[in-house]
Amino acid sequence: MVVRSGYKDVPDEDGEPSSLRTTPIHRAARLDYDHMVRELFNVYDGFDVNYVDESGYTHFHAACKSSCVVAVEKFLELGQDPNLRVPETGDSPLHLALNQDYKLKIVALLLRKGADPNIANTEGATPLHVLRDGYYGNDLERIFFKIIDEQHRTLEVDARDKLGNTPLHLALRNDNRNTAESLLRRGADPNLADANGTTALHLICRRDNDDGLLQLFFKICDERHRPVKIDVRDKLGRTPLQWAVANFLPDAIDTLLDRGADLSEFAFPDASYFGEGRGPKHYMWGDFELNLTSGAMIVVERLEKRGYKLHRNDALMIMEMFSKCSLFYKYEDLEERWYDEPCFKREAKEATIVPGLSLYDLIQLRPDDEEAKLLTYEDYFRFASSGLIVVVSSRKYRKVCANDLCEKLTREFYRRWALESFLDKTRYLMNEDLHQICLEAVK
């Protein structure tokens, strides 16, 4: 209402405005009311004075934080220092602008007016630490580096914050692929570790997405002749390969092994973090069952194809994880023809597992049927990753459908370990006992 009335802030009776003054702009900016800040600059439109509150926070800071392009332009035209810091946090105007979504023009303005891209705040974070995608996608990252190059400025790409994080660490942790790629191409050290011993390779392998980022990482490092430490351990004693296994990243596992990851010293991830990101709390629509089982099976398969011998304790840990998540098909489910519900049946017939086999066809098969055995873990994993089980199955039947598929895909795994355990159990039986077992089997 005040803005619509056309009211303007005016100097005091002496005609000399005092810069030490807390205004509604300061309060609105601290409350993240960005739209209100932009409106209030129509009232406080005197840019020859940069009002500062008792903490040292100024109108210029508020304008940068709230993406007030016109206000920032006018402040800079009148000689405002583009590196004026917020005393409390040490944030520069560039930090404030980069922390917002609608920021492209503000960042470009500040950089072209001399904002320092290497200045660190009280946490040790530079603008590169807070550079991320967002509303403008990779345009911000492209413009940021373009202006730096035009000005022939040097970027400290390996600057560390107080936690030992480099900009590359934070880009990977926040899944900012474009920024991570740019940093690597600009010379970021791929082997630096943060305070927890975490390297870029650890962070890539701790993601839940096997999207080719690891392969791109190695490609860039090769192009720049930067050797990468493959078997480095974080402070928990975990290697990138262990994290890739724990997070069900089969392609990453193959890539790491191709790059020389040491299987002779490999310890299978324990229950504290194996499949940690694949449990029910990580899947909004309740489709975790197939992701969990197919993911666990495919990483075991990839390791064993490379010569790793899975230990029985590891197999039992995996089974226990499945048991805790109630992934067993129940006998009562076998008797109920839930899969013939008209809506489910129609949708399940349209969902393809592999060419020539629909979800509905697969449900009709028993775990020991030859056609079911022909499906690979990768087939199940690909179907799980597609999310189609959510699309085709109503919430009412989703759990029983998922458990049916889990029963089929894990059958050989359970039989293999049950047989090995059974053979161990019979080792100390007398021949008469073994004879009885044979008789029972043919009844």
Protein backbone atom coordinates (compact mmCIF):
# COMPACT_ATOMS: atom_id res chain seq x y z
CA MET A 1 0.00 0.00 0.00
CA VAL A 2 2.85 2.38 0.87
CA VAL A 3 4.56 1.61 -2.43
CA ARG A 4 1.34 2.09 -4.43
CA SER A 5 0.75 5.44 -2.73
CA GLY A 6 3.94 6.77 -4.33
CA TYR A 7 5.55 7.59 -0.97
CA LYS A 8 9.30 8.27 -1.12
CA ASP A 9 11.81 8.26 1.71
CA VAL A 10 13.21 11.75 2.31
CA PRO A 11 16.29 13.06 4.19
CA ASP A 12 16.01 14.43 7.73
CA GLU A 13 15.36 18.10 8.49
CA ASP A 14 18.99 19.05 7.81
CA GLY A 15 18.78 17.54 4.34
CA GLU A 16 21.68 15.21 5.09
CA PRO A 17 20.62 11.57 5.34
CA SER A 18 22.46 9.44 7.90
CA SER A 19 23.74 6.14 6.53
CA LEU A 20 23.45 4.45 9.96
CA ARG A 21 19.79 3.54 9.89
CA THR A 22 17.76 0.34 10.03
CA THR A 23 15.00 0.35 7.43
CA PRO A 24 12.22 -2.04 6.39
CA ILE A 25 14.53 -3.20 3.59
CA HIS A 26 17.00 -4.61 6.13
CA ARG A 27 14.23 -6.43 7.98
CA ALA A 28 12.58 -7.80 4.84
CA ALA A 29 15.91 -9.04 3.45
CA ARG A 30 16.76 -10.89 6.67
CA LEU A 31 13.35 -12.60 6.49
CA ASP A 32 13.97 -13.60 2.85
CA TYR A 33 11.04 -11.50 1.65
CA ASP A 34 12.76 -10.84 -1.68
CA HIS A 35 9.68 -9.55 -3.48
CA MET A 36 9.03 -7.06 -0.68
CA VAL A 37 12.65 -5.86 -0.83
CA ARG A 38 12.29 -5.19 -4.54
CA GLU A 39 9.10 -3.20 -3.93
CA LEU A 40 10.63 -1.23 -1.05
CA PHE A 41 13.43 0.04 -3.29
CA ASN A 42 10.72 2.13 -4.96
CA VAL A 43 10.41 3.93 -1.62
CA TYR A 44 14.10 4.00 -0.66
CA ASP A 45 15.30 5.05 -4.11
CA GLY A 46 18.21 7.24 -3.05
CA PHE A 47 21.29 5.22 -3.99
CA ASP A 48 23.86 7.83 -3.09
CA VAL A 49 23.48 6.64 0.52
CA ASN A 50 23.93 2.96 1.42
CA TYR A 51 21.91 2.55 4.60
CA VAL A 52 23.56 0.22 7.11
CA ASP A 53 21.94 -1.37 10.16
CA GLU A 54 23.55 -1.96 13.55
CA SER A 55 25.16 -5.23 12.37
CA GLY A 56 26.74 -3.72 9.25
CA TYR A 57 24.21 -5.16 6.79
CA THR A 58 23.48 -2.62 4.05
CA HIS A 59 20.91 -1.82 1.39
CA PHE A 60 23.48 -2.88 -1.20
CA HIS A 61 23.73 -6.31 0.43
CA ALA A 62 19.93 -6.58 0.45
CA ALA A 63 19.76 -5.62 -3.22
CA CYS A 64 22.31 -8.30 -4.18
CA LYS A 65 20.64 -10.95 -2.05
CA SER A 66 17.14 -10.19 -3.33
CA SER A 67 18.14 -9.88 -6.99
CA CYS A 68 17.19 -6.20 -7.33
CA VAL A 69 18.96 -5.59 -10.64
CA VAL A 70 18.12 -1.88 -11.01
CA ALA A 71 19.15 -1.10 -7.43
CA VAL A 72 22.47 -2.95 -7.80
CA GLU A 73 23.18 -1.13 -11.07
CA LYS A 74 22.55 2.26 -9.48
CA PHE A 75 24.66 1.51 -6.40
CA LEU A 76 27.58 0.41 -8.59
CA GLU A 77 27.22 3.41 -10.91
CA LEU A 78 27.57 5.66 -7.87
CA GLY A 79 30.83 3.99 -6.83
CA GLN A 80 29.70 1.32 -4.37
CA ASP A 81 32.48 -1.16 -3.49
CA PRO A 82 31.50 -4.49 -5.15
CA ASN A 83 33.43 -6.38 -2.44
CA LEU A 84 31.76 -4.82 0.62
CA ARG A 85 31.41 -7.67 3.12
CA VAL A 86 28.68 -8.45 5.62
CA PRO A 87 30.56 -8.18 8.96
CA GLU A 88 28.70 -11.06 10.63
CA THR A 89 29.38 -13.67 7.96
CA GLY A 90 32.13 -12.22 5.82
CA ASP A 91 29.91 -12.77 2.78
CA SER A 92 30.67 -10.55 -0.18
CA PRO A 93 27.90 -9.28 -2.48
CA LEU A 94 28.92 -12.06 -4.89
CA HIS A 95 28.32 -14.69 -2.18
CA LEU A 96 24.88 -13.23 -1.50
CA ALA A 97 23.92 -13.15 -5.17
CA LEU A 98 25.11 -16.70 -5.87
CA ASN A 99 23.00 -18.05 -3.02
CA GLN A 100 19.79 -16.99 -4.78
CA ASP A 101 17.92 -18.56 -7.69
CA TYR A 102 17.18 -15.49 -9.84
CA LYS A 103 20.74 -14.25 -9.91
CA LEU A 104 22.29 -14.31 -13.38
CA LYS A 105 22.22 -10.56 -14.07
CA ILE A 106 23.38 -9.64 -10.55
CA VAL A 107 26.36 -12.00 -10.72
CA ALA A 108 27.36 -10.67 -14.15
CA LEU A 109 27.04 -7.06 -12.94
CA LEU A 110 29.20 -7.66 -9.88
CA LEU A 111 31.92 -9.54 -11.75
CA ARG A 112 32.14 -6.90 -14.47
CA LYS A 113 32.42 -4.19 -11.81
CA GLY A 114 35.36 -5.92 -10.12
CA ALA A 115 33.86 -8.37 -7.62
CA ASP A 116 36.59 -10.72 -6.34
CA PRO A 117 35.76 -14.36 -7.26
CA ASN A 118 38.31 -15.67 -4.72
CA ILE A 119 37.24 -13.77 -1.60
CA ALA A 120 36.41 -16.09 1.32
CA ASN A 121 33.77 -15.62 4.02
CA THR A 122 34.17 -16.52 7.71
CA GLU A 123 33.51 -20.19 6.88
CA GLY A 124 36.30 -20.14 4.32
CA ALA A 125 33.85 -20.45 1.43
CA THR A 126 34.63 -18.56 -1.77
CA PRO A 127 32.07 -17.71 -4.47
CA LEU A 128 33.15 -20.91 -6.24
CA HIS A 129 31.99 -22.90 -3.22
CA VAL A 130 28.46 -21.52 -3.55
CA LEU A 131 28.28 -21.58 -7.35
CA ARG A 132 25.50 -23.95 -8.25
CA ASP A 133 22.89 -24.56 -10.92
CA GLY A 134 19.31 -23.61 -10.14
CA TYR A 135 16.76 -21.51 -11.98
CA TYR A 136 19.15 -20.78 -14.85
CA GLY A 137 20.56 -24.31 -15.12
CA ASN A 138 24.13 -24.26 -16.41
CA ASP A 139 23.82 -20.71 -17.82
CA LEU A 140 25.06 -19.24 -14.54
CA GLU A 141 28.16 -21.43 -14.48
CA ARG A 142 28.84 -20.62 -18.16
CA ILE A 143 28.48 -16.84 -17.67
CA PHE A 144 30.54 -16.90 -14.46
CA PHE A 145 33.53 -18.56 -16.11
CA LYS A 146 33.12 -16.57 -19.34
CA ILE A 147 33.49 -13.24 -17.53
CA ILE A 148 36.44 -14.53 -15.49
CA ASP A 149 38.16 -15.55 -18.73
CA GLU A 150 37.39 -12.23 -20.43
CA GLN A 151 39.03 -10.42 -17.52
CA HIS A 152 42.02 -12.81 -17.51
CA ARG A 153 41.53 -13.42 -13.80
CA THR A 154 42.92 -16.38 -11.90
CA LEU A 155 40.51 -18.60 -10.01
CA GLU A 156 41.59 -20.51 -6.91
CA VAL A 157 39.81 -23.70 -7.92
CA ASP A 158 41.20 -25.71 -4.99
CA ALA A 159 40.40 -23.21 -2.22
CA ARG A 160 39.27 -24.99 0.96
CA ASP A 161 36.59 -23.98 3.40
CA LYS A 162 36.85 -24.68 7.14
CA LEU A 163 35.66 -28.26 6.61
CA GLY A 164 38.32 -28.89 4.01
CA ASN A 165 35.82 -28.82 1.15
CA THR A 166 36.99 -27.60 -2.22
CA PRO A 167 34.51 -26.20 -4.77
CA LEU A 168 34.71 -29.58 -6.54
CA HIS A 169 33.61 -31.39 -3.37
CA LEU A 170 30.55 -29.18 -3.01
CA ALA A 171 29.65 -29.32 -6.69
CA LEU A 172 29.64 -33.13 -6.55
CA ARG A 173 27.87 -33.25 -3.19
CA ASN A 174 25.10 -31.04 -4.59
CA ASP A 175 24.97 -32.98 -7.86
CA ASN A 176 26.05 -29.95 -9.92
CA ARG A 177 27.50 -31.93 -12.80
CA ASN A 178 28.21 -28.96 -15.10
CA THR A 179 30.07 -27.03 -12.41
CA ALA A 180 32.07 -30.12 -11.44
CA GLU A 181 33.06 -30.68 -15.07
CA SER A 182 34.14 -27.03 -15.48
CA LEU A 183 36.21 -27.16 -12.30
CA LEU A 184 38.00 -30.32 -13.41
CA ARG A 185 38.75 -28.82 -16.82
CA ARG A 186 40.12 -25.74 -15.07
CA GLY A 187 42.60 -27.78 -13.09
CA ALA A 188 40.80 -28.79 -9.89
CA ASP A 189 42.79 -31.48 -8.06
CA PRO A 190 40.75 -34.73 -8.17
CA ASN A 191 42.62 -36.25 -5.23
CA LEU A 192 42.13 -33.62 -2.52
CA ALA A 193 40.26 -34.88 0.56
CA ASP A 194 38.01 -32.97 2.94
CA ALA A 195 38.21 -33.15 6.74
CA ASN A 196 36.54 -36.59 6.61
CA GLY A 197 39.03 -37.95 4.11
CA THR A 198 36.43 -37.80 1.35
CA THR A 199 37.76 -37.28 -2.18
CA ALA A 200 35.90 -36.44 -5.38
CA LEU A 201 35.95 -40.14 -6.26
CA HIS A 202 34.27 -41.04 -2.96
CA LEU A 203 31.56 -38.45 -3.59
CA ILE A 204 30.81 -39.71 -7.09
CA CYS A 205 30.50 -43.26 -5.76
CA ARG A 206 28.26 -42.16 -2.88
CA ARG A 207 25.61 -40.91 -5.28
CA ASP A 208 22.53 -42.99 -6.09
CA ASN A 209 22.80 -42.35 -9.82
CA ASP A 210 24.94 -44.45 -12.15
CA ASP A 211 24.68 -41.87 -14.94
CA GLY A 212 28.14 -41.85 -16.46
CA LEU A 213 29.59 -39.10 -14.27
CA LEU A 214 32.40 -41.40 -13.10
CA GLN A 215 33.37 -42.18 -16.68
CA LEU A 216 33.40 -38.45 -17.51
CA PHE A 217 35.50 -37.77 -14.40
CA PHE A 218 38.18 -40.22 -15.53
CA LYS A 219 38.03 -38.96 -19.12
CA ILE A 220 38.76 -35.38 -18.05
CA CYS A 221 41.51 -36.47 -15.65
CA ASP A 222 43.11 -38.48 -18.47
CA GLU A 223 42.95 -35.51 -20.83
CA ARG A 224 44.66 -33.33 -18.23
CA HIS A 225 47.16 -36.07 -17.32
CA ARG A 226 45.98 -36.08 -13.69
CA PRO A 227 46.42 -39.52 -12.06
CA VAL A 228 43.57 -40.48 -9.73
CA LYS A 229 44.06 -42.43 -6.50
CA ILE A 230 41.64 -45.32 -6.89
CA ASP A 231 41.92 -47.16 -3.56
CA VAL A 232 42.12 -44.13 -1.27
CA ARG A 233 40.25 -44.57 2.03
CA ASP A 234 38.14 -42.00 3.83
CA LYS A 235 38.23 -41.64 7.62
CA LEU A 236 35.70 -44.47 7.91
CA GLY A 237 38.21 -46.68 6.12
CA ARG A 238 36.01 -46.99 3.02
CA THR A 239 37.21 -46.97 -0.57
CA PRO A 240 35.33 -45.61 -3.60
CA LEU A 241 34.72 -49.22 -4.70
CA GLN A 242 33.05 -50.03 -1.38
CA TRP A 243 30.80 -46.97 -1.74
CA ALA A 244 29.91 -47.93 -5.32
CA VAL A 245 28.92 -51.41 -4.14
CA ALA A 246 26.96 -50.05 -1.18
CA ASN A 247 25.03 -47.67 -3.44
CA PHE A 248 24.30 -50.24 -6.16
CA LEU A 249 26.28 -48.61 -8.99
CA PRO A 250 27.16 -51.54 -11.28
CA ASP A 251 28.72 -49.48 -14.09
CA ALA A 252 30.83 -47.56 -11.57
CA ILE A 253 32.03 -50.89 -10.15
CA ASP A 254 33.16 -52.04 -13.59
CA THR A 255 34.87 -48.71 -14.27
CA LEU A 256 36.76 -48.73 -10.96
CA LEU A 257 37.90 -52.31 -11.50
CA ASP A 258 38.97 -51.48 -15.05
CA ARG A 259 41.00 -48.64 -13.54
CA GLY A 260 42.81 -50.97 -11.18
CA ALA A 261 40.75 -51.01 -7.97
CA ASP A 262 42.23 -53.69 -5.72
CA LEU A 263 39.85 -56.63 -5.17
CA SER A 264 42.42 -58.57 -3.15
CA GLU A 265 41.99 -56.15 -0.23
CA PHE A 266 38.27 -55.52 -0.80
CA ALA A 267 35.90 -55.97 2.14
CA PHE A 268 32.21 -56.20 1.30
CA PRO A 269 30.23 -53.26 2.79
CA ASP A 270 28.61 -54.07 6.12
CA ALA A 271 24.98 -53.60 7.12
CA SER A 272 25.58 -50.07 8.44
CA TYR A 273 25.75 -48.65 4.93
CA PHE A 274 25.06 -51.37 2.35
CA GLY A 275 21.88 -50.33 0.53
CA GLU A 276 21.45 -47.43 2.94
CA GLY A 277 20.09 -45.14 0.23
CA ARG A 278 17.73 -47.76 -1.22
CA GLY A 279 15.42 -48.42 1.72
CA PRO A 280 11.72 -47.51 2.02
CA LYS A 281 12.31 -43.98 3.33
CA HIS A 282 14.08 -43.04 0.08
CA TYR A 283 11.20 -43.98 -2.24
CA MET A 284 8.13 -41.79 -2.11
CA TRP A 285 5.86 -44.21 -3.96
CA GLY A 286 6.85 -47.38 -2.15
CA ASP A 287 8.74 -48.98 -5.04
CA PHE A 288 11.89 -49.65 -3.06
CA GLU A 289 11.55 -53.44 -2.97
CA LEU A 290 12.62 -54.16 -6.53
CA ASN A 291 15.29 -51.45 -6.45
CA LEU A 292 16.75 -52.94 -3.28
CA THR A 293 16.81 -56.58 -4.35
CA SER A 294 17.88 -56.10 -7.97
CA GLY A 295 20.52 -53.57 -6.93
CA ALA A 296 22.00 -55.90 -4.32
CA MET A 297 22.03 -58.85 -6.69
CA ILE A 298 23.60 -57.00 -9.61
CA VAL A 299 26.51 -55.60 -7.59
CA VAL A 300 27.25 -59.05 -6.16
CA GLU A 301 27.20 -60.45 -9.69
CA ARG A 302 29.55 -57.76 -11.02
CA LEU A 303 32.05 -58.41 -8.23
CA GLU A 304 31.94 -62.18 -8.63
CA LYS A 305 32.46 -61.92 -12.39
CA ARG A 306 35.72 -60.13 -11.58
CA GLY A 307 36.89 -62.87 -9.24
CA TYR A 308 35.58 -61.75 -5.87
CA LYS A 309 34.39 -64.55 -3.59
CA LEU A 310 31.35 -63.55 -1.57
CA HIS A 311 31.53 -64.80 2.01
CA ARG A 312 28.62 -66.48 3.71
CA ASN A 313 28.43 -63.73 6.32
CA ASP A 314 28.00 -61.20 3.52
CA ALA A 315 25.24 -63.29 1.95
CA LEU A 316 23.49 -63.59 5.32
CA MET A 317 23.75 -59.84 5.81
CA ILE A 318 22.01 -59.30 2.46
CA MET A 319 19.29 -61.84 3.35
CA GLU A 320 18.77 -60.17 6.72
CA MET A 321 18.34 -56.82 4.98
CA PHE A 322 15.67 -58.35 2.72
CA SER A 323 13.98 -59.94 5.72
CA LYS A 324 13.82 -56.66 7.65
CA CYS A 325 12.13 -55.08 4.64
CA SER A 326 9.58 -57.94 4.45
CA LEU A 327 10.55 -58.90 0.93
CA PHE A 328 9.33 -62.50 1.09
CA TYR A 329 6.37 -63.68 -0.96
CA LYS A 330 3.73 -65.25 1.30
CA TYR A 331 1.92 -68.53 0.69
CA GLU A 332 -1.43 -66.79 1.00
CA ASP A 333 -0.42 -64.54 -1.89
CA LEU A 334 -0.04 -67.63 -4.09
CA GLU A 335 -3.67 -68.55 -3.56
CA GLU A 336 -5.12 -65.09 -4.24
CA ARG A 337 -5.37 -64.20 -7.95
CA TRP A 338 -4.64 -60.53 -7.28
CA TYR A 339 -2.95 -60.17 -10.67
CA ASP A 340 -6.28 -60.69 -12.49
CA GLU A 341 -7.82 -57.50 -11.14
CA PRO A 342 -8.93 -55.83 -14.44
CA CYS A 343 -7.11 -52.51 -14.10
CA PHE A 344 -3.88 -54.08 -12.85
CA LYS A 345 -4.03 -56.80 -15.51
CA ARG A 346 -4.46 -54.28 -18.33
CA GLU A 347 -1.57 -52.08 -17.19
CA ALA A 348 0.72 -55.00 -16.37
CA LYS A 349 0.30 -56.36 -19.88
CA GLU A 350 1.49 -53.02 -21.28
CA ALA A 351 4.64 -52.92 -19.13
CA THR A 352 7.58 -54.64 -20.84
CA ILE A 353 10.25 -56.40 -18.79
CA VAL A 354 12.20 -57.53 -21.86
CA PRO A 355 11.00 -57.78 -25.48
CA GLY A 356 8.33 -60.47 -25.65
CA LEU A 357 7.74 -60.62 -21.89
CA SER A 358 5.35 -58.30 -20.07
CA LEU A 359 5.06 -57.76 -16.35
CA TYR A 360 1.84 -59.75 -16.41
CA ASP A 361 3.56 -62.66 -18.18
CA LEU A 362 6.35 -62.66 -15.61
CA ILE A 363 3.93 -62.73 -12.69
CA GLN A 364 2.35 -65.92 -14.12
CA LEU A 365 5.69 -67.72 -13.99
CA ARG A 366 6.94 -69.55 -10.94
CA PRO A 367 10.48 -68.80 -9.67
CA ASP A 368 11.75 -72.18 -10.93
CA ASP A 369 10.26 -71.88 -14.43
CA GLU A 370 12.95 -71.81 -17.11
CA GLU A 371 11.61 -68.61 -18.68
CA ALA A 372 11.87 -66.83 -15.32
CA LYS A 373 15.43 -68.10 -14.90
CA LEU A 374 16.44 -66.59 -18.25
CA LEU A 375 15.93 -63.07 -16.91
CA THR A 376 19.14 -61.45 -15.70
CA TYR A 377 19.67 -59.24 -12.68
CA GLU A 378 20.30 -56.44 -15.13
CA ASP A 379 16.83 -56.97 -16.66
CA TYR A 380 15.24 -56.60 -13.23
CA PHE A 381 17.49 -53.68 -12.33
CA ARG A 382 16.62 -51.83 -15.54
CA PHE A 383 12.90 -52.40 -14.94
CA ALA A 384 13.23 -51.25 -11.32
CA SER A 385 15.08 -48.11 -12.42
CA SER A 386 12.35 -47.31 -14.97
CA GLY A 387 9.79 -46.82 -12.18
CA LEU A 388 7.15 -48.66 -14.22
CA ILE A 389 6.12 -50.82 -11.30
CA VAL A 390 4.60 -47.70 -9.74
CA VAL A 391 2.80 -46.75 -12.93
CA VAL A 392 1.23 -50.13 -13.55
CA SER A 393 0.41 -51.27 -10.04
CA SER A 394 -2.15 -49.66 -7.81
CA ARG A 395 -1.10 -49.06 -4.23
CA LYS A 396 -3.31 -51.97 -3.19
CA TYR A 397 -1.28 -54.50 -5.19
CA ARG A 398 2.11 -52.80 -5.34
CA LYS A 399 3.65 -54.61 -2.37
CA VAL A 400 2.53 -58.09 -3.39
CA CYS A 401 3.60 -57.46 -7.00
CA ALA A 402 7.03 -56.25 -5.90
CA ASN A 403 7.48 -59.19 -3.55
CA ASP A 404 6.55 -61.60 -6.33
CA LEU A 405 9.30 -60.17 -8.53
CA CYS A 406 11.78 -60.13 -5.65
CA GLU A 407 11.03 -63.80 -4.96
CA LYS A 408 11.82 -64.69 -8.56
CA LEU A 409 14.99 -62.65 -8.98
CA THR A 410 16.57 -63.77 -5.70
CA ARG A 411 15.62 -67.45 -5.94
CA GLU A 412 18.99 -68.69 -7.23
CA PHE A 413 20.82 -66.58 -4.65
CA TYR A 414 18.87 -68.15 -1.78
CA ARG A 415 19.15 -71.67 -3.17
CA ARG A 416 22.89 -71.34 -3.67
CA TRP A 417 23.54 -70.25 -0.10
CA ALA A 418 20.96 -72.58 1.42
CA LEU A 419 22.61 -75.52 -0.35
CA GLU A 420 26.07 -74.52 0.82
CA SER A 421 24.83 -74.11 4.37
CA PHE A 422 22.98 -77.43 4.20
CA LEU A 423 26.10 -79.24 2.99
CA ASP A 424 28.05 -77.81 5.89
CA LYS A 425 25.35 -78.96 8.26
CA THR A 426 25.51 -82.53 6.94
CA ARG A 427 29.29 -82.77 7.19
CA TYR A 428 29.23 -84.41 10.61
CA LEU A 429 26.17 -86.63 10.10
CA MET A 430 26.51 -90.40 10.10
CA ASN A 431 25.76 -92.37 6.94
CA GLU A 432 22.48 -93.58 8.42
CA ASP A 433 21.36 -89.97 8.84
CA LEU A 434 22.35 -89.16 5.26
CA HIS A 435 20.41 -92.24 4.11
CA GLN A 436 17.29 -90.90 5.82
CA ILE A 437 17.72 -87.56 4.09
CA CYS A 438 17.83 -89.33 0.71
CA LEU A 439 14.69 -91.28 1.55
CA GLU A 440 12.86 -88.12 2.55
CA ALA A 441 13.85 -86.41 -0.69
CA VAL A 442 12.25 -89.09 -2.90
CA LYS A 443 8.99 -89.35 -0.97
